[in-house]
Amino acid sequence: MSLNKKLSLLLLALFILVGILLALITRYSSVQYNLEITQRLNGSIAMYVAAEEPLIIDGKYNEGALKKLAHQAMVINPTVEVYLLNSQGKVLSHNLPPETVVLESVALGPIADFLSKDSRRPLLNQDPRSPENNKTFSVAKVTHNGVEEGFVYVVLGGKKYEELANNISKNYIMRVALYAIMAVILLAFLIASLMLMKLTKPLTYLRNKVISFQQASNDSQVNYDGDEIQQLNMAFSDMSMRIERQLQQIKNADQARRDLITNVSHDLRTPLASMQGYLDTLIIKQESMDKESTKEYLAIARKHCSRLGVMINDLFELSKLDSNIINPHLEAFSMAELIQDVSMEFTHQANEKNINLTMELLEGNTNVSADISLMQRVLENLIGNAIKHTPEDGAVKIKLANQDDSFTIVISDNGRGISEHELPNIFNRHYRADNTSKENSSSSGLGLAIVKKILDIHHCKIKVKSILNHGTQFSFSLPLAA
């Protein structure tokens, strides 16, 4: 659920709660206000009733006079109920029907508060007819010859008042209040939703940009659940992990570069030193050396010069591949023909070691889609390595197979093989296996690294299988040409 929806629902719940509290507070305030106004306006009713005629004389009450005065009071205000109490609060008489059940006595505390000049309003006390409800009242002392005989106790919110009040609340007041509160809540919710939408819009835009950036990366597998903040938090965590991983890769690459420079510098120094030594010898002893020795020294110097050129060319080619300035020019060409052409280059080299170089090719259309010059370099490196690491009287085989919508090229030999612990490292730059022969010291050590880089930019994977002292097999696949 989005952050906007969450905040909107939270605000809606908050507005509903505030509306309920407002309705309760309004109702309570209204009731208290009405009670206070009623008590202040009708506070003198009991005094008029008590002053009209003597109601209690020497402990005896005049019920007829009470009925008459109560009837007059009810004509003026039909909601009042009049009670006659003695000085202890006991109910002596009332103006209600005879069968009405009333309390025997009324609490005197609120009566004393009412008669006090500094009493607050509204004051509530027991309703003898409904003892579970406290109501506003009016009270006055009943005296005879200066002696306090009792009280006239008038309930201002009697049964009729309750019926009228409840009826009005159900039919009008509460309905109007409820409609007003609902309208206010709805209006406030709409305004708040528009404000939240505007406030969260930049956050949503940022979330979408970050997720789009993350999903554009092939190695991002984050499942984005929750609101925008939670999604940004997950994206930030994923990006921080990727940055840490990339920094580590940069450190590893930098260390590999340092190692490569160290190793290559050492390998470059060896042929250069040898070539310089032979040339210096020729310069020093040129007058005393015969032609055969001079020719031999020049041939050795030329051999080291060629080795130096191979190393430099491989380093230059690998640096171009690493810098991504080489974009493969995809075209359709016959892989069988390219294998035949490249194999012819190594026929003499294979014959010198009495190595049986064979090809198992397909007939018909063997067109693939790739950069022909780069694929030629891949085949040259793989076939050359196979011949170099295969002893005399060995065998090197090149096979072309059809695999659904691609052609698979397999180059295998029965040479020295590669140990299991070395296999993961053979494509590293300038890595040379422990069992590399001395006669292959002219290699730059970058051949397999170049092969892997070329196949990487073709989005192909190279596979290798090897058993020590039994041989090695390299294979890769190229898509069919359209």
Protein backbone atom coordinates (compact mmCIF):
# COMPACT_ATOMS: atom_id res chain seq x y z
CA MET A 1 0.00 0.00 0.00
CA SER A 2 1.35 3.42 -0.94
CA LEU A 3 2.31 6.02 1.65
CA ASN A 4 -0.45 8.34 0.39
CA LYS A 5 -3.12 5.67 0.99
CA LYS A 6 -1.73 4.83 4.42
CA LEU A 7 -1.70 8.47 5.50
CA SER A 8 -5.17 9.02 4.01
CA LEU A 9 -6.62 6.08 5.94
CA LEU A 10 -4.84 7.24 9.09
CA LEU A 11 -6.24 10.74 8.67
CA LEU A 12 -9.70 9.35 7.99
CA ALA A 13 -9.57 7.31 11.19
CA LEU A 14 -8.26 10.36 13.06
CA PHE A 15 -11.02 12.58 11.65
CA ILE A 16 -13.68 10.03 12.57
CA LEU A 17 -12.28 9.83 16.11
CA VAL A 18 -12.15 13.62 16.37
CA GLY A 19 -15.70 13.80 14.99
CA ILE A 20 -16.95 11.34 17.62
CA LEU A 21 -15.16 13.23 20.38
CA LEU A 22 -16.51 16.51 19.02
CA ALA A 23 -20.04 15.12 18.94
CA LEU A 24 -19.73 13.87 22.52
CA ILE A 25 -18.22 17.14 23.74
CA THR A 26 -20.85 19.15 21.88
CA ARG A 27 -23.63 17.03 23.28
CA TYR A 28 -22.26 17.24 26.80
CA SER A 29 -21.74 21.02 26.54
CA SER A 30 -25.20 21.49 25.09
CA VAL A 31 -26.81 19.43 27.83
CA GLN A 32 -24.88 21.26 30.53
CA TYR A 33 -25.77 24.60 28.96
CA ASN A 34 -29.47 23.73 28.79
CA LEU A 35 -29.45 22.48 32.36
CA GLU A 36 -27.81 25.67 33.60
CA ILE A 37 -30.17 27.91 31.65
CA THR A 38 -33.18 25.88 32.82
CA GLN A 39 -32.10 26.04 36.46
CA ARG A 40 -31.33 29.75 36.38
CA LEU A 41 -34.64 30.63 34.66
CA ASN A 42 -36.79 28.37 36.86
CA GLY A 43 -34.83 28.63 40.05
CA SER A 44 -37.56 30.73 41.75
CA ILE A 45 -40.51 28.37 41.09
CA ALA A 46 -40.09 26.60 44.42
CA MET A 47 -39.91 29.93 46.23
CA TYR A 48 -43.23 31.09 44.70
CA VAL A 49 -44.93 27.82 45.63
CA ALA A 50 -43.59 27.97 49.18
CA ALA A 51 -44.58 31.62 49.64
CA GLU A 52 -48.15 31.35 48.27
CA GLU A 53 -49.74 29.38 51.13
CA PRO A 54 -48.55 27.70 54.35
CA LEU A 55 -47.79 24.12 53.38
CA ILE A 56 -46.53 22.69 56.69
CA ILE A 57 -47.76 23.81 60.11
CA ASP A 58 -46.29 22.20 63.23
CA GLY A 59 -45.19 19.13 61.24
CA LYS A 60 -48.54 18.68 59.46
CA TYR A 61 -48.58 19.31 55.73
CA ASN A 62 -51.44 20.76 53.70
CA GLU A 63 -51.77 18.33 50.80
CA GLY A 64 -54.66 20.18 49.15
CA ALA A 65 -52.74 23.42 49.04
CA LEU A 66 -49.72 21.57 47.58
CA LYS A 67 -51.84 20.00 44.84
CA LYS A 68 -53.37 23.33 43.92
CA LEU A 69 -50.04 25.19 43.85
CA ALA A 70 -48.35 22.38 41.97
CA HIS A 71 -51.10 22.43 39.39
CA GLN A 72 -50.59 26.16 38.90
CA ALA A 73 -46.86 25.67 38.52
CA MET A 74 -47.37 22.95 35.93
CA VAL A 75 -49.69 25.22 33.97
CA ILE A 76 -46.80 27.65 33.68
CA ASN A 77 -44.17 24.92 33.06
CA PRO A 78 -45.60 21.46 32.24
CA THR A 79 -42.22 19.76 32.71
CA VAL A 80 -41.85 20.39 36.46
CA GLU A 81 -42.68 17.95 39.22
CA VAL A 82 -43.32 19.34 42.73
CA TYR A 83 -42.45 17.51 45.94
CA LEU A 84 -42.93 18.50 49.59
CA LEU A 85 -40.11 17.45 51.90
CA ASN A 86 -39.68 17.67 55.63
CA SER A 87 -36.55 19.10 57.18
CA GLN A 88 -34.82 15.68 57.00
CA GLY A 89 -35.51 15.35 53.26
CA LYS A 90 -38.31 12.81 53.55
CA VAL A 91 -40.93 13.04 50.80
CA LEU A 92 -44.26 14.05 52.40
CA SER A 93 -46.34 14.70 49.29
CA HIS A 94 -46.18 15.31 45.53
CA ASN A 95 -48.34 16.26 42.57
CA LEU A 96 -47.93 12.96 40.72
CA PRO A 97 -50.54 10.24 40.27
CA PRO A 98 -51.06 8.21 43.48
CA GLU A 99 -49.67 5.01 41.96
CA THR A 100 -46.32 6.66 41.04
CA VAL A 101 -43.37 5.09 42.80
CA VAL A 102 -41.05 7.68 44.34
CA LEU A 103 -38.11 7.70 46.72
CA GLU A 104 -38.79 8.00 50.42
CA SER A 105 -36.22 10.79 50.85
CA VAL A 106 -33.99 13.13 48.91
CA ALA A 107 -30.34 13.97 49.67
CA LEU A 108 -29.99 17.27 51.52
CA GLY A 109 -26.42 18.10 50.41
CA PRO A 110 -27.29 19.51 46.96
CA ILE A 111 -30.30 21.32 48.53
CA ALA A 112 -27.97 23.10 50.95
CA ASP A 113 -25.67 23.99 48.05
CA PHE A 114 -28.60 25.41 46.06
CA LEU A 115 -29.71 27.60 48.97
CA SER A 116 -26.16 28.92 49.34
CA LYS A 117 -25.58 32.29 47.65
CA ASP A 118 -22.25 31.24 46.11
CA SER A 119 -23.45 27.95 44.64
CA ARG A 120 -22.51 27.08 41.08
CA ARG A 121 -24.93 26.14 38.34
CA PRO A 122 -26.12 23.72 37.21
CA LEU A 123 -26.71 21.72 40.38
CA LEU A 124 -28.11 18.20 40.10
CA ASN A 125 -29.90 16.10 42.65
CA GLN A 126 -32.02 12.98 42.83
CA ASP A 127 -35.28 12.72 40.95
CA PRO A 128 -37.61 10.86 43.34
CA ARG A 129 -39.47 9.46 40.35
CA SER A 130 -36.32 8.30 38.51
CA PRO A 131 -33.68 7.75 41.19
CA GLU A 132 -31.09 6.52 38.64
CA ASN A 133 -30.99 9.98 37.00
CA ASN A 134 -29.84 13.18 38.69
CA LYS A 135 -31.62 16.30 37.40
CA THR A 136 -31.75 20.04 37.86
CA PHE A 137 -34.08 21.28 40.56
CA SER A 138 -35.44 24.31 42.37
CA VAL A 139 -35.89 24.33 46.14
CA ALA A 140 -37.21 26.74 48.78
CA LYS A 141 -37.57 26.52 52.54
CA VAL A 142 -41.04 26.08 54.08
CA THR A 143 -41.29 28.06 57.36
CA HIS A 144 -44.03 28.77 59.85
CA ASN A 145 -43.67 31.49 62.44
CA GLY A 146 -39.95 31.64 61.66
CA VAL A 147 -39.46 27.92 62.20
CA GLU A 148 -38.14 25.81 59.31
CA GLU A 149 -40.67 23.05 58.67
CA GLY A 150 -39.34 21.54 55.39
CA PHE A 151 -38.75 22.25 51.71
CA VAL A 152 -40.59 22.65 48.45
CA TYR A 153 -38.53 20.54 46.02
CA VAL A 154 -39.22 21.05 42.30
CA VAL A 155 -37.65 18.77 39.68
CA LEU A 156 -37.20 20.91 36.56
CA GLY A 157 -36.66 18.07 34.10
CA GLY A 158 -39.48 15.66 34.82
CA LYS A 159 -40.86 12.77 32.78
CA LYS A 160 -42.47 14.99 30.18
CA TYR A 161 -39.23 16.93 29.74
CA GLU A 162 -37.33 13.68 29.11
CA GLU A 163 -39.88 12.57 26.52
CA LEU A 164 -39.74 15.91 24.71
CA ALA A 165 -35.94 16.12 24.87
CA ASN A 166 -35.43 12.58 23.57
CA ASN A 167 -37.98 13.08 20.81
CA ILE A 168 -36.36 16.31 19.62
CA SER A 169 -32.87 14.75 19.74
CA LYS A 170 -33.95 11.80 17.64
CA ASN A 171 -35.87 13.79 15.09
CA TYR A 172 -33.85 16.92 14.63
CA ILE A 173 -30.99 18.02 16.84
CA MET A 174 -28.90 14.86 16.76
CA ARG A 175 -29.65 14.31 13.08
CA VAL A 176 -28.51 17.83 12.17
CA ALA A 177 -25.41 17.51 14.35
CA LEU A 178 -24.55 14.14 12.84
CA TYR A 179 -24.95 15.44 9.30
CA ALA A 180 -22.83 18.49 10.10
CA ILE A 181 -20.05 16.41 11.62
CA MET A 182 -20.09 13.99 8.67
CA ALA A 183 -19.90 16.90 6.22
CA VAL A 184 -16.99 18.47 8.11
CA ILE A 185 -15.15 15.13 8.27
CA LEU A 186 -15.67 14.49 4.56
CA LEU A 187 -14.53 17.98 3.58
CA ALA A 188 -11.49 17.81 5.85
CA PHE A 189 -10.61 14.36 4.50
CA LEU A 190 -10.81 15.55 0.88
CA ILE A 191 -8.64 18.59 1.61
CA ALA A 192 -6.13 16.49 3.54
CA SER A 193 -6.03 13.86 0.77
CA LEU A 194 -5.25 16.52 -1.84
CA MET A 195 -2.53 17.98 0.39
CA LEU A 196 -1.03 14.52 1.03
CA MET A 197 -1.12 13.72 -2.67
CA LYS A 198 0.79 16.90 -3.43
CA LEU A 199 3.25 16.39 -0.57
CA THR A 200 3.98 12.73 -1.41
CA LYS A 201 4.20 13.28 -5.16
CA PRO A 202 7.96 14.15 -5.10
CA LEU A 203 8.58 11.10 -2.89
CA THR A 204 6.65 8.88 -5.29
CA TYR A 205 8.59 10.32 -8.24
CA LEU A 206 11.87 9.65 -6.44
CA ARG A 207 10.72 6.11 -5.60
CA ASN A 208 9.88 5.41 -9.24
CA LYS A 209 13.24 6.77 -10.44
CA VAL A 210 15.19 4.69 -7.92
CA ILE A 211 13.25 1.50 -8.66
CA SER A 212 13.63 2.04 -12.42
CA PHE A 213 17.35 2.50 -11.93
CA GLN A 214 17.55 -0.60 -9.76
CA GLN A 215 15.48 -2.77 -12.10
CA ALA A 216 17.61 -1.68 -15.06
CA SER A 217 20.46 -3.54 -13.40
CA ASN A 218 20.54 -7.22 -14.23
CA ASP A 219 21.81 -8.23 -10.77
CA SER A 220 19.06 -6.44 -8.83
CA GLN A 221 16.59 -8.95 -7.42
CA VAL A 222 14.88 -6.88 -4.72
CA ASN A 223 11.19 -7.50 -4.14
CA TYR A 224 9.75 -4.02 -3.59
CA ASP A 225 6.88 -4.29 -1.11
CA GLY A 226 5.43 -1.70 1.26
CA ASP A 227 5.08 2.06 0.91
CA GLU A 228 7.47 4.51 -0.73
CA ILE A 229 9.68 4.96 2.34
CA GLN A 230 10.02 1.19 2.85
CA GLN A 231 10.78 0.71 -0.84
CA LEU A 232 13.40 3.47 -0.79
CA ASN A 233 14.92 1.87 2.29
CA MET A 234 15.14 -1.51 0.51
CA ALA A 235 16.56 0.16 -2.61
CA PHE A 236 19.14 2.03 -0.52
CA SER A 237 20.17 -1.18 1.25
CA ASP A 238 20.47 -3.00 -2.07
CA MET A 239 22.46 -0.15 -3.62
CA SER A 240 24.80 0.05 -0.63
CA MET A 241 25.47 -3.70 -0.87
CA ARG A 242 26.10 -3.41 -4.60
CA ILE A 243 28.43 -0.43 -4.07
CA GLU A 244 30.38 -2.36 -1.44
CA ARG A 245 30.57 -5.34 -3.78
CA GLN A 246 31.71 -3.15 -6.67
CA LEU A 247 34.30 -1.42 -4.50
CA GLN A 248 35.64 -4.82 -3.55
CA GLN A 249 35.71 -5.78 -7.23
CA ILE A 250 37.59 -2.57 -8.02
CA LYS A 251 40.10 -3.37 -5.27
CA ASN A 252 40.50 -6.89 -6.62
CA ALA A 253 40.84 -5.59 -10.18
CA ASP A 254 43.43 -3.05 -9.05
CA GLN A 255 45.39 -5.75 -7.28
CA ALA A 256 45.14 -7.96 -10.36
CA ARG A 257 46.37 -5.06 -12.49
CA ARG A 258 49.35 -4.58 -10.20
CA ASP A 259 50.09 -8.29 -10.33
CA LEU A 260 49.73 -8.27 -14.11
CA ILE A 261 52.12 -5.35 -14.48
CA THR A 262 54.61 -7.06 -12.18
CA ASN A 263 54.42 -10.36 -14.03
CA VAL A 264 54.43 -8.85 -17.50
CA SER A 265 57.33 -6.57 -16.59
CA HIS A 266 59.28 -9.61 -15.50
CA ASP A 267 58.43 -11.51 -18.70
CA LEU A 268 59.24 -8.51 -20.88
CA ARG A 269 62.56 -8.04 -19.10
CA THR A 270 63.65 -11.64 -19.83
CA PRO A 271 63.58 -11.55 -23.69
CA LEU A 272 64.79 -7.97 -23.68
CA ALA A 273 67.78 -8.85 -21.51
CA SER A 274 68.54 -11.93 -23.64
CA MET A 275 68.25 -9.98 -26.85
CA GLN A 276 70.49 -7.23 -25.48
CA GLY A 277 73.05 -9.78 -24.29
CA TYR A 278 73.36 -11.45 -27.68
CA LEU A 279 73.54 -8.13 -29.52
CA ASP A 280 76.21 -6.82 -27.12
CA THR A 281 78.17 -10.00 -27.72
CA LEU A 282 77.95 -9.50 -31.47
CA ILE A 283 79.15 -5.91 -31.15
CA ILE A 284 82.07 -6.84 -28.92
CA LYS A 285 83.18 -9.98 -30.81
CA GLN A 286 82.08 -9.12 -34.32
CA GLU A 287 85.66 -9.21 -35.66
CA SER A 288 86.58 -12.53 -34.08
CA MET A 289 83.30 -14.43 -34.72
CA ASP A 290 82.72 -16.51 -37.79
CA LYS A 291 79.63 -16.19 -39.99
CA GLU A 292 77.88 -19.25 -38.54
CA SER A 293 78.15 -17.99 -34.97
CA THR A 294 77.05 -14.53 -36.02
CA LYS A 295 74.04 -15.97 -37.82
CA GLU A 296 73.17 -18.11 -34.79
CA TYR A 297 73.34 -15.12 -32.41
CA LEU A 298 71.21 -13.00 -34.72
CA ALA A 299 68.61 -15.78 -34.98
CA ILE A 300 68.39 -16.05 -31.17
CA ALA A 301 68.08 -12.27 -30.86
CA ARG A 302 65.35 -12.30 -33.51
CA LYS A 303 63.51 -15.07 -31.61
CA HIS A 304 63.50 -12.99 -28.43
CA CYS A 305 62.43 -9.94 -30.42
CA SER A 306 59.47 -11.91 -31.83
CA ARG A 307 58.51 -13.09 -28.34
CA LEU A 308 58.64 -9.50 -27.12
CA GLY A 309 56.41 -8.41 -29.99
CA VAL A 310 53.85 -11.11 -29.19
CA MET A 311 53.66 -10.01 -25.57
CA ILE A 312 53.27 -6.36 -26.47
CA ASN A 313 50.59 -7.11 -29.08
CA ASP A 314 48.63 -9.26 -26.60
CA LEU A 315 48.81 -6.58 -23.91
CA PHE A 316 47.67 -3.93 -26.37
CA GLU A 317 44.78 -6.11 -27.59
CA LEU A 318 43.64 -6.98 -24.05
CA SER A 319 43.76 -3.32 -23.00
CA LYS A 320 41.51 -2.41 -25.94
CA LEU A 321 39.08 -5.18 -25.00
CA ASP A 322 39.03 -4.01 -21.38
CA SER A 323 38.36 -0.40 -22.37
CA ASN A 324 35.28 -1.45 -24.34
CA ILE A 325 36.42 0.48 -27.40
CA ILE A 326 36.08 -2.67 -29.51
CA ASN A 327 32.52 -3.32 -30.61
CA PRO A 328 31.98 -6.60 -32.44
CA HIS A 329 30.94 -6.20 -36.07
CA LEU A 330 28.38 -8.97 -36.38
CA GLU A 331 28.12 -10.61 -39.76
CA ALA A 332 27.18 -13.98 -41.21
CA PHE A 333 30.06 -16.29 -42.13
CA SER A 334 30.74 -20.00 -42.40
CA MET A 335 32.27 -21.32 -39.18
CA ALA A 336 33.40 -24.53 -40.95
CA GLU A 337 35.41 -22.53 -43.48
CA LEU A 338 36.95 -20.35 -40.74
CA ILE A 339 37.99 -23.47 -38.77
CA GLN A 340 39.62 -24.92 -41.89
CA ASP A 341 41.51 -21.69 -42.63
CA VAL A 342 42.77 -21.28 -39.05
CA SER A 343 43.74 -24.95 -38.79
CA MET A 344 45.89 -24.62 -41.92
CA GLU A 345 47.99 -22.02 -40.07
CA PHE A 346 48.97 -24.62 -37.45
CA THR A 347 49.58 -27.56 -39.80
CA HIS A 348 53.33 -26.99 -39.92
CA GLN A 349 53.56 -26.51 -36.16
CA ALA A 350 51.57 -29.69 -35.54
CA ASN A 351 53.71 -31.66 -38.03
CA GLU A 352 56.91 -30.58 -36.28
CA LYS A 353 55.67 -32.28 -33.08
CA ASN A 354 54.05 -35.15 -34.99
CA ILE A 355 50.65 -34.11 -33.59
CA ASN A 356 47.57 -35.43 -35.34
CA LEU A 357 45.46 -32.30 -36.02
CA THR A 358 41.97 -33.39 -37.13
CA MET A 359 38.65 -31.65 -37.83
CA GLU A 360 35.10 -32.95 -37.56
CA LEU A 361 32.97 -30.42 -39.39
CA LEU A 362 29.38 -30.26 -40.59
CA GLU A 363 28.27 -30.14 -44.18
CA GLY A 364 25.87 -27.63 -45.54
CA ASN A 365 25.06 -24.26 -44.03
CA THR A 366 27.22 -23.49 -40.98
CA ASN A 367 26.74 -19.74 -40.97
CA VAL A 368 26.98 -18.04 -37.56
CA SER A 369 26.50 -14.44 -36.49
CA ALA A 370 29.70 -12.99 -34.98
CA ASP A 371 32.75 -10.83 -35.66
CA ILE A 372 34.86 -12.98 -37.98
CA SER A 373 38.21 -11.35 -37.12
CA LEU A 374 37.63 -11.74 -33.38
CA MET A 375 36.47 -15.34 -33.82
CA GLN A 376 39.63 -16.02 -35.83
CA ARG A 377 41.68 -14.78 -32.87
CA VAL A 378 39.71 -17.05 -30.51
CA LEU A 379 40.39 -20.10 -32.67
CA GLU A 380 44.06 -19.20 -33.09
CA ASN A 381 44.58 -18.88 -29.35
CA LEU A 382 42.71 -22.08 -28.47
CA ILE A 383 44.25 -24.23 -31.22
CA GLY A 384 47.70 -22.77 -30.57
CA ASN A 385 47.41 -23.52 -26.84
CA ALA A 386 46.22 -27.05 -27.56
CA ILE A 387 49.25 -27.75 -29.79
CA LYS A 388 51.70 -26.12 -27.38
CA HIS A 389 50.45 -28.16 -24.41
CA THR A 390 50.22 -31.45 -26.28
CA PRO A 391 53.38 -33.57 -26.31
CA GLU A 392 54.83 -35.20 -29.43
CA ASP A 393 52.76 -37.91 -31.08
CA GLY A 394 49.63 -36.46 -29.46
CA ALA A 395 46.31 -35.44 -31.00
CA VAL A 396 44.28 -32.22 -31.27
CA LYS A 397 40.71 -32.36 -32.51
CA ILE A 398 38.40 -29.54 -33.62
CA LYS A 399 34.72 -30.36 -33.77
CA LEU A 400 31.72 -28.34 -35.00
CA ALA A 401 28.30 -29.49 -33.75
CA ASN A 402 24.77 -28.20 -34.24
CA GLN A 403 22.86 -27.42 -31.01
CA ASP A 404 19.30 -26.27 -31.76
CA ASP A 405 19.65 -22.58 -32.70
CA SER A 406 23.44 -22.40 -32.35
CA PHE A 407 26.71 -24.06 -33.40
CA THR A 408 29.08 -25.38 -30.76
CA ILE A 409 32.85 -25.38 -31.38
CA VAL A 410 34.84 -27.94 -29.35
CA ILE A 411 38.67 -27.96 -29.28
CA SER A 412 40.17 -30.91 -27.40
CA ASP A 413 43.61 -32.43 -26.93
CA ASN A 414 45.23 -35.35 -25.10
CA GLY A 415 48.01 -33.28 -23.62
CA ARG A 416 49.13 -32.54 -20.09
CA GLY A 417 45.74 -31.34 -18.89
CA ILE A 418 45.05 -28.88 -16.06
CA SER A 419 44.71 -29.74 -12.41
CA GLU A 420 41.34 -29.20 -10.74
CA HIS A 421 42.56 -26.46 -8.44
CA GLU A 422 43.95 -24.48 -11.39
CA LEU A 423 40.85 -24.58 -13.60
CA PRO A 424 39.13 -21.55 -11.99
CA ASN A 425 42.22 -19.41 -12.67
CA ILE A 426 43.15 -20.24 -16.23
CA PHE A 427 41.23 -17.27 -17.68
CA ASN A 428 42.90 -14.81 -15.32
CA ARG A 429 45.37 -12.49 -16.93
CA HIS A 430 48.89 -13.76 -17.10
CA TYR A 431 48.07 -16.89 -15.14
CA ARG A 432 50.30 -19.75 -16.19
CA ALA A 433 49.70 -23.30 -15.05
CA ASP A 434 52.33 -25.08 -13.00
CA ASN A 435 52.91 -27.65 -15.73
CA THR A 436 53.61 -25.15 -18.51
CA SER A 437 56.47 -26.41 -20.59
CA LYS A 438 59.67 -24.50 -21.02
CA GLU A 439 59.41 -24.58 -24.78
CA ASN A 440 56.20 -22.56 -24.50
CA SER A 441 57.88 -19.75 -22.60
CA SER A 442 57.40 -17.52 -25.63
CA SER A 443 53.71 -17.25 -24.78
CA SER A 444 52.49 -14.00 -23.26
CA GLY A 445 50.17 -15.82 -20.87
CA LEU A 446 47.24 -13.64 -21.98
CA GLY A 447 45.79 -15.91 -24.66
CA LEU A 448 42.92 -17.39 -22.62
CA ALA A 449 42.15 -14.01 -21.03
CA ILE A 450 41.76 -12.54 -24.54
CA VAL A 451 39.56 -15.48 -25.59
CA LYS A 452 37.23 -15.02 -22.64
CA LYS A 453 37.01 -11.25 -23.18
CA ILE A 454 36.14 -11.68 -26.86
CA LEU A 455 33.44 -14.24 -26.07
CA ASP A 456 32.10 -12.00 -23.27
CA ILE A 457 31.49 -9.13 -25.69
CA HIS A 458 29.69 -11.66 -27.91
CA HIS A 459 27.59 -12.67 -24.88
CA CYS A 460 28.93 -16.22 -25.10
CA LYS A 461 30.35 -18.42 -22.38
CA ILE A 462 33.38 -20.63 -22.73
CA LYS A 463 33.44 -23.98 -20.98
CA VAL A 464 36.48 -26.06 -20.07
CA LYS A 465 36.92 -29.66 -19.00
CA SER A 466 40.29 -31.11 -18.14
CA ILE A 467 41.86 -34.19 -16.55
CA LEU A 468 45.48 -33.95 -15.50
CA ASN A 469 47.78 -35.92 -17.85
CA HIS A 470 44.79 -36.91 -20.01
CA GLY A 471 43.93 -33.74 -21.92
CA THR A 472 41.77 -30.61 -22.01
CA GLN A 473 38.61 -29.60 -23.86
CA PHE A 474 37.39 -26.05 -24.54
CA SER A 475 33.95 -25.33 -26.02
CA PHE A 476 31.74 -22.36 -26.83
CA SER A 477 28.58 -21.71 -28.85
CA LEU A 478 27.63 -19.07 -31.40
CA PRO A 479 24.11 -18.27 -32.63
CA LEU A 480 22.97 -19.23 -36.09
CA ALA A 481 22.97 -16.44 -38.63
CA ALA A 482 19.53 -15.16 -39.54
